[in-house]
Amino acid sequence: QVQLVESGGGLVQAGGSLRLSCAASGRTFSRYAMGWFRQAPGKEREFVAAISHSVSSTYYTDYTDSVKGRFAISRDNAKNTVYLQMNSLKPEDTAVYYCAADRWASLARVPHEYDYWGQGTQVTVSS
């Protein structure tokens, strides 16, 4: 069982930055692929970014097109934490952001591939 707790959300002006953190419990964090998703009011949960477990000391990442070049996902296995650095934020980035863990380490883009979820953290970008 893995418990995930997000933090770092808040209110920011367009063009600003935020860094989200997701702290995980358990001893197997390093084996999981980790993802960030977001859900705006009235919309479905959508993929934002994902990072693989270590593959020969290499981490693979994936991003949805709308955040490429602005967001960066990273992880610190020693701290059991995954991060989402968000720069050049836009009003359309406003949503509740969720982190998720995939025990099969598939670097998936669909929510049902993930086994564990955090409670979410609100990000609001004002224009």
Foldseek 3Di string as FASTA:
>chain_A
DKAKAKDWADEEAAQAKIKMKIAMDDDCLLQWKKFKWWDDPPGDIWGAKIWFRQDVNDIDMDGDPVQPPFWDWDDDSVRRMIMIIGGRDDQVVWTWMKMFIANVRPRDGDPVNTDYIYPTDTHGYHD
